[in-house]
């Protein structure tokens, strides 16, 4: 089985900065929680690709967080077919600046846009984000949004709550949304939100199945089997560990969808048209 990892951070100096030379308060706690210290030293892209391949991972979705990250990732993706580039924007930089960056990155074949409302300290339904949602809906490009709890006590936990994301999905019904980290911490309403919107997907990076409510495993095995996506969020969790844990948790007949096809559909398949 060929696996696509739905969320990875490359161990390059540029992409490790928020955890190392430019330690950010919104990432600091993760080092302790995920025992990451031995995975925060830079390695070559080639070495990381080989590590992933040894675990059975064919491609990796790599998300940026700012313009420097985006340029770095796009340059790497041009050289390595194993890397799927996703550009990050922060709406605090300004609406026009964000739209210009999105346009620039899509012109360089970026697959999607990544946003983290809690880092910006805005709710996912903040009207400053609406031009971003509308632009991506028009271009039929997906948005990956941090839609779970986080460990930074400097921002409210609720910025990516499914209640806010549901408003976005209603207002932009043909926008493809990939909710990152499985809506962890927000309970079953996340599942109802994903179920009722055909263009919304749920990605489970950085989550070990044994710490997830059983309703989520049941959903991934049954009624949401075509909408749930595998991810490690490496270096938070090792590739092989995460693959084995999720294989144990899921029925074998959903592996192909969970580990590969659903992320391809979320990124590249045309959105389901909205019927008025």
Protein backbone atom coordinates (compact mmCIF):
# COMPACT_ATOMS: atom_id res chain seq x y z
CA UNK A 1 0.00 0.00 0.00
CA UNK A 2 1.32 3.42 -0.99
CA UNK A 3 0.76 5.96 1.78
CA UNK A 4 0.47 9.74 1.57
CA UNK A 5 1.18 11.60 4.81
CA UNK A 6 -1.36 14.39 5.13
CA UNK A 7 0.81 16.67 7.26
CA UNK A 8 4.59 16.78 7.77
CA UNK A 9 7.18 19.37 8.74
CA UNK A 10 10.51 18.96 7.02
CA UNK A 11 13.55 19.00 9.30
CA UNK A 12 15.28 21.84 7.49
CA UNK A 13 16.69 24.81 9.39
CA UNK A 14 13.99 27.06 7.96
CA UNK A 15 11.03 24.91 8.95
CA UNK A 16 12.39 23.99 12.39
CA UNK A 17 12.82 27.65 13.42
CA UNK A 18 9.55 27.87 15.42
CA UNK A 19 10.88 25.07 17.66
CA UNK A 20 14.57 25.96 17.70
CA UNK A 21 16.30 29.24 16.85
CA UNK A 22 13.03 31.25 16.83
CA UNK A 23 11.07 29.30 19.44
CA UNK A 24 7.43 30.35 19.28
CA UNK A 25 5.17 30.27 22.35
CA UNK A 26 2.41 28.56 20.37
CA UNK A 27 4.71 25.58 19.58
CA UNK A 28 6.79 25.39 22.75
CA UNK A 29 4.55 22.99 24.70
CA UNK A 30 4.56 20.42 21.91
CA UNK A 31 8.25 19.67 22.44
CA UNK A 32 7.50 18.26 25.88
CA UNK A 33 4.16 16.64 25.04
CA UNK A 34 5.54 14.74 22.03
CA UNK A 35 9.10 14.09 23.30
CA UNK A 36 10.46 15.80 20.20
CA UNK A 37 13.92 16.95 21.26
CA UNK A 38 15.79 14.23 19.39
CA UNK A 39 13.83 15.07 16.22
CA UNK A 40 14.57 18.80 16.17
CA UNK A 41 18.02 18.68 14.59
CA UNK A 42 18.14 19.48 10.86
CA UNK A 43 18.56 16.68 8.35
CA UNK A 44 18.64 16.78 4.56
CA UNK A 45 15.41 16.60 2.61
CA UNK A 46 16.72 13.49 0.88
CA UNK A 47 17.32 11.76 4.22
CA UNK A 48 13.84 12.60 5.43
CA UNK A 49 12.26 11.36 2.20
CA UNK A 50 14.17 8.10 2.59
CA UNK A 51 13.01 7.75 6.19
CA UNK A 52 9.42 8.22 5.07
CA UNK A 53 9.83 5.73 2.23
CA UNK A 54 11.25 3.16 4.66
CA UNK A 55 7.97 3.49 6.56
CA UNK A 56 5.92 3.06 3.39
CA UNK A 57 5.16 6.73 2.75
CA UNK A 58 5.26 7.73 -0.90
CA UNK A 59 4.44 11.45 -0.61
CA UNK A 60 4.20 14.07 2.14
CA UNK A 61 2.04 17.17 2.43
CA UNK A 62 4.29 19.94 3.78
CA UNK A 63 2.62 23.09 5.12
CA UNK A 64 4.18 26.52 5.36
CA UNK A 65 3.45 29.12 8.00
CA UNK A 66 4.72 32.32 6.37
CA UNK A 67 6.18 33.70 3.12
CA UNK A 68 9.70 32.47 3.84
CA UNK A 69 8.41 28.98 4.59
CA UNK A 70 6.30 29.00 1.45
CA UNK A 71 9.18 29.91 -0.84
CA UNK A 72 11.40 27.32 0.83
CA UNK A 73 8.82 24.54 0.47
CA UNK A 74 7.98 25.40 -3.14
CA UNK A 75 11.65 25.26 -4.08
CA UNK A 76 11.96 21.84 -2.47
CA UNK A 77 8.77 20.57 -4.14
CA UNK A 78 10.14 21.56 -7.55
CA UNK A 79 13.10 19.24 -6.97
CA UNK A 80 11.33 16.38 -5.17
CA UNK A 81 8.13 14.81 -6.44
CA UNK A 82 7.59 13.28 -3.00
CA UNK A 83 6.75 16.72 -1.55
CA UNK A 84 3.28 18.27 -1.92
CA UNK A 85 3.62 21.98 -1.16
CA UNK A 86 1.00 23.83 0.88
CA UNK A 87 1.37 27.57 1.51
CA UNK A 88 0.64 29.18 4.86
CA UNK A 89 -0.85 32.63 5.40
CA UNK A 90 -1.56 34.73 8.49
CA UNK A 91 -4.47 37.12 8.03
CA UNK A 92 -2.88 39.49 10.55
CA UNK A 93 -0.46 40.40 7.73
CA UNK A 94 -3.43 42.00 5.99
CA UNK A 95 -6.12 40.84 3.59
CA UNK A 96 -4.46 42.15 0.42
CA UNK A 97 -1.07 40.78 1.44
CA UNK A 98 -2.63 37.37 2.12
CA UNK A 99 -4.45 37.30 -1.22
CA UNK A 100 -1.31 38.29 -3.10
CA UNK A 101 0.63 35.52 -1.39
CA UNK A 102 -2.06 32.98 -2.21
CA UNK A 103 -2.05 34.05 -5.86
CA UNK A 104 1.76 33.86 -6.00
CA UNK A 105 1.85 30.39 -4.48
CA UNK A 106 -0.93 28.96 -6.65
CA UNK A 107 0.93 30.20 -9.71
CA UNK A 108 3.79 27.97 -8.52
CA UNK A 109 1.53 24.91 -8.23
CA UNK A 110 0.95 24.95 -4.50
CA UNK A 111 -1.78 22.40 -3.72
CA UNK A 112 -3.60 24.23 -0.92
CA UNK A 113 -3.54 27.01 1.66
CA UNK A 114 -2.88 26.45 5.35
CA UNK A 115 -4.32 28.67 8.11
CA UNK A 116 -4.06 28.46 11.90
CA UNK A 117 -6.71 30.70 13.48
CA UNK A 118 -5.31 30.28 16.98
CA UNK A 119 -1.90 31.62 15.93
CA UNK A 120 -3.60 34.70 14.45
CA UNK A 121 -5.88 34.87 17.52
CA UNK A 122 -8.96 35.11 15.31
CA UNK A 123 -11.95 32.81 15.01
CA UNK A 124 -12.19 30.69 11.88
CA UNK A 125 -15.32 32.63 10.86
CA UNK A 126 -13.61 36.02 11.20
CA UNK A 127 -14.75 38.19 8.29
CA UNK A 128 -11.14 39.12 7.51
CA UNK A 129 -10.70 35.52 6.38
CA UNK A 130 -13.73 35.61 4.09
CA UNK A 131 -11.85 37.00 1.06
CA UNK A 132 -9.38 34.13 1.47
CA UNK A 133 -12.20 31.58 1.59
CA UNK A 134 -13.94 33.13 -1.40
CA UNK A 135 -10.77 33.30 -3.47
CA UNK A 136 -9.93 29.64 -2.82
CA UNK A 137 -13.51 28.56 -3.49
CA UNK A 138 -13.43 30.39 -6.82
CA UNK A 139 -10.16 28.67 -7.77
CA UNK A 140 -11.40 25.27 -6.50
CA UNK A 141 -8.41 25.09 -4.17
CA UNK A 142 -8.65 23.60 -0.66
CA UNK A 143 -7.88 25.24 2.65
CA UNK A 144 -6.29 23.29 5.49
CA UNK A 145 -7.40 24.79 8.80
CA UNK A 146 -6.25 24.02 12.33
CA UNK A 147 -9.56 22.85 13.78
CA UNK A 148 -8.68 21.33 17.13
CA UNK A 149 -7.52 22.21 20.61
CA UNK A 150 -3.98 23.52 21.05
CA UNK A 151 -1.57 23.87 23.96
CA UNK A 152 -0.76 27.57 23.80
CA UNK A 153 -2.45 29.23 26.75
CA UNK A 154 -1.86 32.63 25.15
CA UNK A 155 -4.82 32.11 22.80
CA UNK A 156 -8.34 30.83 23.27
CA UNK A 157 -8.86 27.16 22.50
CA UNK A 158 -12.05 27.81 20.52
CA UNK A 159 -10.70 29.71 17.50
CA UNK A 160 -11.00 26.61 15.26
CA UNK A 161 -14.23 25.30 16.78
CA UNK A 162 -16.57 23.40 14.40
CA UNK A 163 -19.34 25.91 15.15
CA UNK A 164 -17.25 28.59 13.43
CA UNK A 165 -16.12 26.26 10.64
CA UNK A 166 -19.73 25.27 9.98
CA UNK A 167 -20.52 28.92 9.27
CA UNK A 168 -17.64 29.00 6.78
CA UNK A 169 -18.87 25.84 5.05
CA UNK A 170 -22.40 27.26 4.80
CA UNK A 171 -21.22 30.60 3.43
CA UNK A 172 -18.76 28.94 1.00
CA UNK A 173 -20.48 25.64 0.12
CA UNK A 174 -18.08 24.72 -2.70
CA UNK A 175 -14.92 25.44 -0.70
CA UNK A 176 -12.97 22.32 0.16
CA UNK A 177 -11.95 22.39 3.83
CA UNK A 178 -9.50 19.98 5.44
CA UNK A 179 -9.85 20.17 9.22
CA UNK A 180 -6.44 19.40 10.65
CA UNK A 181 -5.81 17.34 13.80
CA UNK A 182 -9.20 15.67 13.73
CA UNK A 183 -11.13 18.31 15.64
CA UNK A 184 -9.44 16.94 18.75
CA UNK A 185 -10.96 18.33 21.95
CA UNK A 186 -14.26 19.42 20.42
CA UNK A 187 -16.08 16.09 20.58
CA UNK A 188 -18.79 14.59 18.34
CA UNK A 189 -20.04 17.95 16.93
CA UNK A 190 -16.95 17.81 14.69
CA UNK A 191 -18.24 14.59 13.15
CA UNK A 192 -21.68 16.07 12.53
CA UNK A 193 -20.07 19.09 10.87
CA UNK A 194 -17.93 16.94 8.56
CA UNK A 195 -20.84 14.61 7.78
CA UNK A 196 -23.22 17.35 6.70
CA UNK A 197 -20.85 19.17 4.35
CA UNK A 198 -19.71 17.15 1.30
CA UNK A 199 -16.59 19.26 0.73
CA UNK A 200 -15.21 18.99 4.28
CA UNK A 201 -12.56 16.44 5.30
CA UNK A 202 -11.05 15.46 8.64
CA UNK A 203 -7.28 14.93 8.93
CA UNK A 204 -5.89 13.11 11.97
CA UNK A 205 -2.25 14.18 12.14
CA UNK A 206 -0.48 14.32 15.51
CA UNK A 207 -3.18 12.11 17.07
CA UNK A 208 -2.72 8.60 18.40
CA UNK A 209 -5.95 6.57 18.10
CA UNK A 210 -5.91 5.37 21.70
CA UNK A 211 -6.35 8.97 22.89
CA UNK A 212 -9.28 9.68 20.56
CA UNK A 213 -12.93 9.25 21.55
CA UNK A 214 -14.31 5.97 20.13
CA UNK A 215 -16.92 7.86 18.11
CA UNK A 216 -14.13 9.17 15.88
CA UNK A 217 -12.70 5.70 15.19
CA UNK A 218 -16.21 4.43 14.46
CA UNK A 219 -16.77 7.30 12.03
CA UNK A 220 -13.47 6.68 10.23
CA UNK A 221 -14.40 3.01 9.87
CA UNK A 222 -17.94 3.62 8.60
CA UNK A 223 -19.92 6.71 7.62
CA UNK A 224 -16.90 9.04 7.27
CA UNK A 225 -14.59 6.45 5.73
CA UNK A 226 -14.24 8.54 2.55
CA UNK A 227 -13.52 11.78 4.40
CA UNK A 228 -10.86 10.89 7.01
CA UNK A 229 -7.17 11.44 6.28
CA UNK A 230 -3.96 10.00 7.69
CA UNK A 231 -1.16 12.26 8.93
CA UNK A 232 1.78 12.14 11.30
CA UNK A 233 2.65 15.81 11.73
CA UNK A 234 6.22 14.54 11.89
CA UNK A 235 8.42 15.38 13.78
CA UNK A 236 5.67 15.26 16.41
CA UNK A 237 5.12 11.53 15.83
CA UNK A 238 7.37 9.04 14.05
CA UNK A 239 6.15 7.71 10.70
CA UNK A 240 6.22 3.98 11.44
CA UNK A 241 4.64 4.37 14.87
CA UNK A 242 1.71 6.36 13.53
CA UNK A 243 1.08 4.01 10.61
CA UNK A 244 1.01 0.93 12.82
CA UNK A 245 -1.26 2.55 15.40
CA UNK A 246 -3.81 3.56 12.78
CA UNK A 247 -3.68 0.22 10.98
CA UNK A 248 -4.53 -1.44 14.29
CA UNK A 249 -7.42 0.98 14.93
CA UNK A 250 -9.03 0.82 11.49
CA UNK A 251 -10.59 -1.96 9.47
CA UNK A 252 -8.38 -3.12 6.64
CA UNK A 253 -11.06 -2.35 4.05
CA UNK A 254 -10.73 1.40 4.77
CA UNK A 255 -6.91 1.57 4.72
CA UNK A 256 -6.64 2.58 1.07
CA UNK A 257 -9.06 5.47 1.58
CA UNK A 258 -7.61 6.61 4.89
CA UNK A 259 -3.92 6.31 4.05
CA UNK A 260 -4.06 7.53 0.47
CA UNK A 261 -7.19 8.22 -1.58
CA UNK A 262 -8.97 10.68 0.70
CA UNK A 263 -6.11 13.19 0.77
CA UNK A 264 -5.88 13.00 -3.03
CA UNK A 265 -9.62 13.69 -3.29
CA UNK A 266 -9.41 16.54 -0.78
CA UNK A 267 -6.54 18.21 -2.62
CA UNK A 268 -7.31 17.54 -6.26
CA UNK A 269 -10.86 16.34 -6.87
CA UNK A 270 -13.41 18.94 -7.98
CA UNK A 271 -15.68 20.08 -5.13
CA UNK A 272 -19.22 18.78 -4.94
CA UNK A 273 -21.47 21.45 -6.53
CA UNK A 274 -23.92 23.15 -4.22
CA UNK A 275 -27.58 22.55 -5.01
CA UNK A 276 -29.68 25.58 -4.16
